[in-house]
PDB file of all heavy atoms in Angstrom:
ATOM      1  N   GLY A   1      10.247 -30.683   7.507  1.00  0.00           N
ATOM      2  CA  GLY A   1       9.088 -31.567   7.529  1.00  0.00           C
ATOM      3  C   GLY A   1       7.769 -30.844   7.702  1.00  0.00           C
ATOM      4  O   GLY A   1       6.779 -31.437   8.147  1.00  0.00           O
ATOM      5  N   LYS A   2       7.731 -29.570   7.334  1.00  0.00           N
ATOM      6  CA  LYS A   2       6.521 -28.769   7.547  1.00  0.00           C
ATOM      7  C   LYS A   2       5.847 -28.338   6.244  1.00  0.00           C
ATOM      8  O   LYS A   2       4.896 -27.544   6.276  1.00  0.00           O
ATOM      9  CB  LYS A   2       6.881 -27.523   8.366  1.00  0.00           C
ATOM     10  CG  LYS A   2       7.446 -27.834   9.741  1.00  0.00           C
ATOM     11  CD  LYS A   2       7.861 -26.564  10.472  1.00  0.00           C
ATOM     12  CE  LYS A   2       8.445 -26.884  11.841  1.00  0.00           C
ATOM     13  NZ  LYS A   2       8.902 -25.661  12.553  1.00  0.00           N
ATOM     14  N   LEU A   3       6.312 -28.853   5.114  1.00  0.00           N
ATOM     15  CA  LEU A   3       5.761 -28.393   3.844  1.00  0.00           C
ATOM     16  C   LEU A   3       4.523 -29.166   3.431  1.00  0.00           C
ATOM     17  O   LEU A   3       3.568 -28.571   2.899  1.00  0.00           O
ATOM     18  CB  LEU A   3       6.829 -28.511   2.748  1.00  0.00           C
ATOM     19  CG  LEU A   3       6.403 -28.069   1.342  1.00  0.00           C
ATOM     20  CD1 LEU A   3       6.024 -26.595   1.333  1.00  0.00           C
ATOM     21  CD2 LEU A   3       7.502 -28.351   0.332  1.00  0.00           C
ATOM     22  N   ASP A   4       4.486 -30.470   3.657  1.00  0.00           N
ATOM     23  CA  ASP A   4       3.398 -31.300   3.135  1.00  0.00           C
ATOM     24  C   ASP A   4       2.026 -30.815   3.566  1.00  0.00           C
ATOM     25  O   ASP A   4       1.070 -30.827   2.779  1.00  0.00           O
ATOM     26  CB  ASP A   4       3.597 -32.759   3.550  1.00  0.00           C
ATOM     27  CG  ASP A   4       4.742 -33.419   2.789  1.00  0.00           C
ATOM     28  OD1 ASP A   4       5.188 -32.825   1.782  1.00  0.00           O
ATOM     29  OD2 ASP A   4       5.195 -34.497   3.205  1.00  0.00           O
ATOM     30  N   LYS A   5       1.912 -30.372   4.801  1.00  0.00           N
ATOM     31  CA  LYS A   5       0.603 -29.948   5.282  1.00  0.00           C
ATOM     32  C   LYS A   5       0.176 -28.587   4.731  1.00  0.00           C
ATOM     33  O   LYS A   5      -0.982 -28.189   4.919  1.00  0.00           O
ATOM     34  CB  LYS A   5       0.594 -29.906   6.806  1.00  0.00           C
ATOM     35  CG  LYS A   5       1.576 -28.928   7.431  1.00  0.00           C
ATOM     36  CD  LYS A   5       1.536 -29.031   8.948  1.00  0.00           C
ATOM     37  CE  LYS A   5       2.526 -28.060   9.601  1.00  0.00           C
ATOM     38  NZ  LYS A   5       2.537 -28.214  11.076  1.00  0.00           N
ATOM     39  N   LEU A   6       1.088 -27.899   4.051  1.00  0.00           N
ATOM     40  CA  LEU A   6       0.758 -26.601   3.468  1.00  0.00           C
ATOM     41  C   LEU A   6       0.226 -26.715   2.044  1.00  0.00           C
ATOM     42  O   LEU A   6      -0.328 -25.751   1.516  1.00  0.00           O
ATOM     43  CB  LEU A   6       1.983 -25.681   3.471  1.00  0.00           C
ATOM     44  CG  LEU A   6       2.560 -25.294   4.835  1.00  0.00           C
ATOM     45  CD1 LEU A   6       3.724 -24.332   4.646  1.00  0.00           C
ATOM     46  CD2 LEU A   6       1.491 -24.665   5.719  1.00  0.00           C
ATOM     47  N   TRP A   7       0.407 -27.889   1.413  1.00  0.00           N
ATOM     48  CA  TRP A   7      -0.099 -28.032   0.053  1.00  0.00           C
ATOM     49  C   TRP A   7      -1.622 -27.898   0.063  1.00  0.00           C
ATOM     50  O   TRP A   7      -2.303 -28.483   0.903  1.00  0.00           O
ATOM     51  CB  TRP A   7       0.271 -29.386  -0.542  1.00  0.00           C
ATOM     52  CG  TRP A   7       1.741 -29.629  -0.726  1.00  0.00           C
ATOM     53  CD1 TRP A   7       2.485 -30.599  -0.137  1.00  0.00           C
ATOM     54  CD2 TRP A   7       2.645 -28.898  -1.566  1.00  0.00           C
ATOM     55  NE1 TRP A   7       3.796 -30.528  -0.536  1.00  0.00           N
ATOM     56  CE2 TRP A   7       3.930 -29.484  -1.427  1.00  0.00           C
ATOM     57  CE3 TRP A   7       2.500 -27.797  -2.415  1.00  0.00           C
ATOM     58  CZ2 TRP A   7       5.054 -29.016  -2.098  1.00  0.00           C
ATOM     59  CZ3 TRP A   7       3.623 -27.334  -3.093  1.00  0.00           C
ATOM     60  CH2 TRP A   7       4.867 -27.936  -2.936  1.00  0.00           C
ATOM     61  N   PRO A   8      -2.196 -27.154  -0.862  1.00  0.00           N
ATOM     62  CA  PRO A   8      -3.657 -27.033  -0.943  1.00  0.00           C
ATOM     63  C   PRO A   8      -4.309 -28.390  -1.174  1.00  0.00           C
ATOM     64  O   PRO A   8      -3.693 -29.323  -1.709  1.00  0.00           O
ATOM     65  CB  PRO A   8      -3.868 -26.098  -2.150  1.00  0.00           C
ATOM     66  CG  PRO A   8      -2.585 -25.333  -2.268  1.00  0.00           C
ATOM     67  CD  PRO A   8      -1.506 -26.287  -1.837  1.00  0.00           C
ATOM     68  N   ALA A   9      -5.558 -28.507  -0.782  1.00  0.00           N
ATOM     69  CA  ALA A   9      -6.276 -29.779  -0.863  1.00  0.00           C
ATOM     70  C   ALA A   9      -6.246 -30.407  -2.254  1.00  0.00           C
ATOM     71  O   ALA A   9      -6.059 -31.624  -2.378  1.00  0.00           O
ATOM     72  CB  ALA A   9      -7.719 -29.580  -0.395  1.00  0.00           C
ATOM     73  N   PRO A  10      -6.409 -29.642  -3.342  1.00  0.00           N
ATOM     74  CA  PRO A  10      -6.373 -30.278  -4.666  1.00  0.00           C
ATOM     75  C   PRO A  10      -5.042 -30.971  -4.961  1.00  0.00           C
ATOM     76  O   PRO A  10      -5.008 -32.030  -5.575  1.00  0.00           O
ATOM     77  CB  PRO A  10      -6.605 -29.096  -5.625  1.00  0.00           C
ATOM     78  CG  PRO A  10      -7.347 -28.090  -4.817  1.00  0.00           C
ATOM     79  CD  PRO A  10      -6.795 -28.217  -3.434  1.00  0.00           C
ATOM     80  N   LEU A  11      -3.908 -30.358  -4.501  1.00  0.00           N
ATOM     81  CA  LEU A  11      -2.609 -30.992  -4.708  1.00  0.00           C
ATOM     82  C   LEU A  11      -2.460 -32.246  -3.864  1.00  0.00           C
ATOM     83  O   LEU A  11      -1.913 -33.256  -4.313  1.00  0.00           O
ATOM     84  CB  LEU A  11      -1.480 -30.003  -4.389  1.00  0.00           C
ATOM     85  CG  LEU A  11      -1.208 -28.902  -5.412  1.00  0.00           C
ATOM     86  CD1 LEU A  11      -0.104 -27.989  -4.917  1.00  0.00           C
ATOM     87  CD2 LEU A  11      -0.830 -29.501  -6.757  1.00  0.00           C
ATOM     88  N   GLN A  12      -2.934 -32.192  -2.629  1.00  0.00           N
ATOM     89  CA  GLN A  12      -2.861 -33.372  -1.776  1.00  0.00           C
ATOM     90  C   GLN A  12      -3.703 -34.503  -2.349  1.00  0.00           C
ATOM     91  O   GLN A  12      -3.327 -35.669  -2.295  1.00  0.00           O
ATOM     92  CB  GLN A  12      -3.327 -33.016  -0.361  1.00  0.00           C
ATOM     93  CG  GLN A  12      -2.408 -32.025   0.344  1.00  0.00           C
ATOM     94  CD  GLN A  12      -2.715 -31.899   1.824  1.00  0.00           C
ATOM     95  OE1 GLN A  12      -3.154 -32.849   2.458  1.00  0.00           O
ATOM     96  NE2 GLN A  12      -2.468 -30.724   2.384  1.00  0.00           N
ATOM     97  N   ALA A  13      -4.858 -34.151  -2.942  1.00  0.00           N
ATOM     98  CA  ALA A  13      -5.707 -35.169  -3.548  1.00  0.00           C
ATOM     99  C   ALA A  13      -5.030 -35.786  -4.764  1.00  0.00           C
ATOM    100  O   ALA A  13      -5.081 -37.005  -4.979  1.00  0.00           O
ATOM    101  CB  ALA A  13      -7.049 -34.555  -3.945  1.00  0.00           C
ATOM    102  N   ALA A  14      -4.350 -34.950  -5.564  1.00  0.00           N
ATOM    103  CA  ALA A  14      -3.650 -35.466  -6.736  1.00  0.00           C
ATOM    104  C   ALA A  14      -2.516 -36.399  -6.328  1.00  0.00           C
ATOM    105  O   ALA A  14      -2.268 -37.422  -6.963  1.00  0.00           O
ATOM    106  CB  ALA A  14      -3.116 -34.304  -7.573  1.00  0.00           C
ATOM    107  N   ALA A  15      -1.825 -36.035  -5.238  1.00  0.00           N
ATOM    108  CA  ALA A  15      -0.733 -36.878  -4.750  1.00  0.00           C
ATOM    109  C   ALA A  15      -1.262 -38.193  -4.205  1.00  0.00           C
ATOM    110  O   ALA A  15      -0.702 -39.267  -4.460  1.00  0.00           O
ATOM    111  CB  ALA A  15       0.057 -36.142  -3.689  1.00  0.00           C
ATOM    112  N   ALA A  16      -2.376 -38.129  -3.455  1.00  0.00           N
ATOM    113  CA  ALA A  16      -2.940 -39.342  -2.857  1.00  0.00           C
ATOM    114  C   ALA A  16      -3.519 -40.270  -3.910  1.00  0.00           C
ATOM    115  O   ALA A  16      -3.529 -41.487  -3.749  1.00  0.00           O
ATOM    116  CB  ALA A  16      -4.007 -38.960  -1.842  1.00  0.00           C
ATOM    117  N   ARG A  17      -3.985 -39.690  -5.027  1.00  0.00           N
ATOM    118  CA  ARG A  17      -4.613 -40.493  -6.081  1.00  0.00           C
ATOM    119  C   ARG A  17      -3.671 -41.549  -6.627  1.00  0.00           C
ATOM    120  O   ARG A  17      -4.052 -42.663  -6.924  1.00  0.00           O
ATOM    121  CB  ARG A  17      -5.038 -39.543  -7.213  1.00  0.00           C
ATOM    122  CG  ARG A  17      -5.601 -40.227  -8.448  1.00  0.00           C
ATOM    123  CD  ARG A  17      -5.733 -39.211  -9.576  1.00  0.00           C
ATOM    124  NE  ARG A  17      -4.413 -38.705  -9.956  1.00  0.00           N
ATOM    125  CZ  ARG A  17      -4.223 -37.538 -10.555  1.00  0.00           C
ATOM    126  NH1 ARG A  17      -5.241 -36.737 -10.796  1.00  0.00           N
ATOM    127  NH2 ARG A  17      -2.994 -37.159 -10.893  1.00  0.00           N
ATOM    128  N   ASP A  18      -2.390 -41.172  -6.768  1.00  0.00           N
ATOM    129  CA  ASP A  18      -1.435 -42.086  -7.402  1.00  0.00           C
ATOM    130  C   ASP A  18      -0.534 -42.805  -6.424  1.00  0.00           C
ATOM    131  O   ASP A  18       0.277 -43.636  -6.829  1.00  0.00           O
ATOM    132  CB  ASP A  18      -0.569 -41.311  -8.395  1.00  0.00           C
ATOM    133  CG  ASP A  18      -1.396 -40.753  -9.550  1.00  0.00           C
ATOM    134  OD1 ASP A  18      -2.308 -41.462  -9.995  1.00  0.00           O
ATOM    135  OD2 ASP A  18      -1.130 -39.612  -9.973  1.00  0.00           O
ATOM    136  N   ASP A  19      -0.636 -42.435  -5.131  1.00  0.00           N
ATOM    137  CA  ASP A  19       0.211 -43.103  -4.143  1.00  0.00           C
ATOM    138  C   ASP A  19      -0.166 -44.571  -4.050  1.00  0.00           C
ATOM    139  O   ASP A  19      -1.342 -44.924  -3.974  1.00  0.00           O
ATOM    140  CB  ASP A  19       0.032 -42.454  -2.768  1.00  0.00           C
ATOM    141  CG  ASP A  19       1.322 -41.806  -2.306  1.00  0.00           C
ATOM    142  OD1 ASP A  19       2.324 -41.941  -3.008  1.00  0.00           O
ATOM    143  OD2 ASP A  19       1.301 -41.157  -1.241  1.00  0.00           O
ATOM    144  N   GLN A  20       0.791 -45.447  -4.040  1.00  0.00           N
ATOM    145  CA  GLN A  20       0.534 -46.863  -3.875  1.00  0.00           C
ATOM    146  C   GLN A  20       1.592 -47.449  -2.972  1.00  0.00           C
ATOM    147  O   GLN A  20       2.754 -47.068  -3.052  1.00  0.00           O
ATOM    148  CB  GLN A  20       0.512 -47.579  -5.219  1.00  0.00           C
ATOM    149  CG  GLN A  20       1.684 -47.252  -6.122  1.00  0.00           C
ATOM    150  CD  GLN A  20       1.524 -47.873  -7.485  1.00  0.00           C
ATOM    151  OE1 GLN A  20       1.484 -49.091  -7.605  1.00  0.00           O
ATOM    152  NE2 GLN A  20       1.415 -47.056  -8.523  1.00  0.00           N
ATOM    153  N   PRO A  21       1.214 -48.382  -2.110  1.00  0.00           N
ATOM    154  CA  PRO A  21       2.198 -48.937  -1.177  1.00  0.00           C
ATOM    155  C   PRO A  21       3.226 -49.773  -1.909  1.00  0.00           C
ATOM    156  O   PRO A  21       2.914 -50.441  -2.897  1.00  0.00           O
ATOM    157  CB  PRO A  21       1.336 -49.806  -0.247  1.00  0.00           C
ATOM    158  CG  PRO A  21       0.136 -50.150  -1.069  1.00  0.00           C
ATOM    159  CD  PRO A  21      -0.119 -48.967  -1.943  1.00  0.00           C
ATOM    160  N   PRO A  22       4.456 -49.727  -1.444  1.00  0.00           N
ATOM    161  CA  PRO A  22       5.503 -50.548  -2.064  1.00  0.00           C
ATOM    162  C   PRO A  22       5.276 -52.011  -1.760  1.00  0.00           C
ATOM    163  O   PRO A  22       4.611 -52.362  -0.780  1.00  0.00           O
ATOM    164  CB  PRO A  22       6.780 -50.037  -1.399  1.00  0.00           C
ATOM    165  CG  PRO A  22       6.332 -49.496  -0.092  1.00  0.00           C
ATOM    166  CD  PRO A  22       4.959 -48.939  -0.320  1.00  0.00           C
ATOM    167  N   PRO A  23       5.800 -52.906  -2.589  1.00  0.00           N
ATOM    168  CA  PRO A  23       5.680 -54.334  -2.306  1.00  0.00           C
ATOM    169  C   PRO A  23       6.479 -54.713  -1.076  1.00  0.00           C
ATOM    170  O   PRO A  23       7.347 -53.975  -0.638  1.00  0.00           O
ATOM    171  CB  PRO A  23       6.270 -54.986  -3.575  1.00  0.00           C
ATOM    172  CG  PRO A  23       7.196 -53.946  -4.121  1.00  0.00           C
ATOM    173  CD  PRO A  23       6.560 -52.624  -3.795  1.00  0.00           C
ATOM    174  N   GLN A  24       6.170 -55.867  -0.538  1.00  0.00           N
ATOM    175  CA  GLN A  24       6.909 -56.341   0.620  1.00  0.00           C
ATOM    176  C   GLN A  24       8.363 -56.551   0.238  1.00  0.00           C
ATOM    177  O   GLN A  24       8.662 -57.054  -0.843  1.00  0.00           O
ATOM    178  CB  GLN A  24       6.312 -57.661   1.139  1.00  0.00           C
ATOM    179  CG  GLN A  24       4.917 -57.483   1.720  1.00  0.00           C
ATOM    180  CD  GLN A  24       4.934 -56.565   2.919  1.00  0.00           C
ATOM    181  OE1 GLN A  24       5.776 -56.679   3.788  1.00  0.00           O
ATOM    182  NE2 GLN A  24       3.988 -55.619   2.954  1.00  0.00           N
ATOM    183  N   PRO A  25       9.300 -56.158   1.111  1.00  0.00           N
ATOM    184  CA  PRO A  25      10.718 -56.315   0.770  1.00  0.00           C
ATOM    185  C   PRO A  25      11.095 -57.772   0.595  1.00  0.00           C
ATOM    186  O   PRO A  25      10.579 -58.646   1.296  1.00  0.00           O
ATOM    187  CB  PRO A  25      11.433 -55.673   1.969  1.00  0.00           C
ATOM    188  CG  PRO A  25      10.446 -55.718   3.082  1.00  0.00           C
ATOM    189  CD  PRO A  25       9.097 -55.587   2.453  1.00  0.00           C
ATOM    190  N   THR A  26      11.947 -58.014  -0.361  1.00  0.00           N
ATOM    191  CA  THR A  26      12.424 -59.368  -0.602  1.00  0.00           C
ATOM    192  C   THR A  26      13.864 -59.484  -0.171  1.00  0.00           C
ATOM    193  O   THR A  26      14.581 -58.499  -0.052  1.00  0.00           O
ATOM    194  CB  THR A  26      12.310 -59.714  -2.101  1.00  0.00           C
ATOM    195  OG1 THR A  26      13.046 -58.749  -2.851  1.00  0.00           O
ATOM    196  CG2 THR A  26      10.843 -59.683  -2.549  1.00  0.00           C
TER     197      THR A  26
END
């Protein structure tokens, strides 16, 4: 669980750009 914080800022920004919350569970 220590890799995510090592990604450079541009990669984190690219990942955050497309992240979207899942719908409420049915």
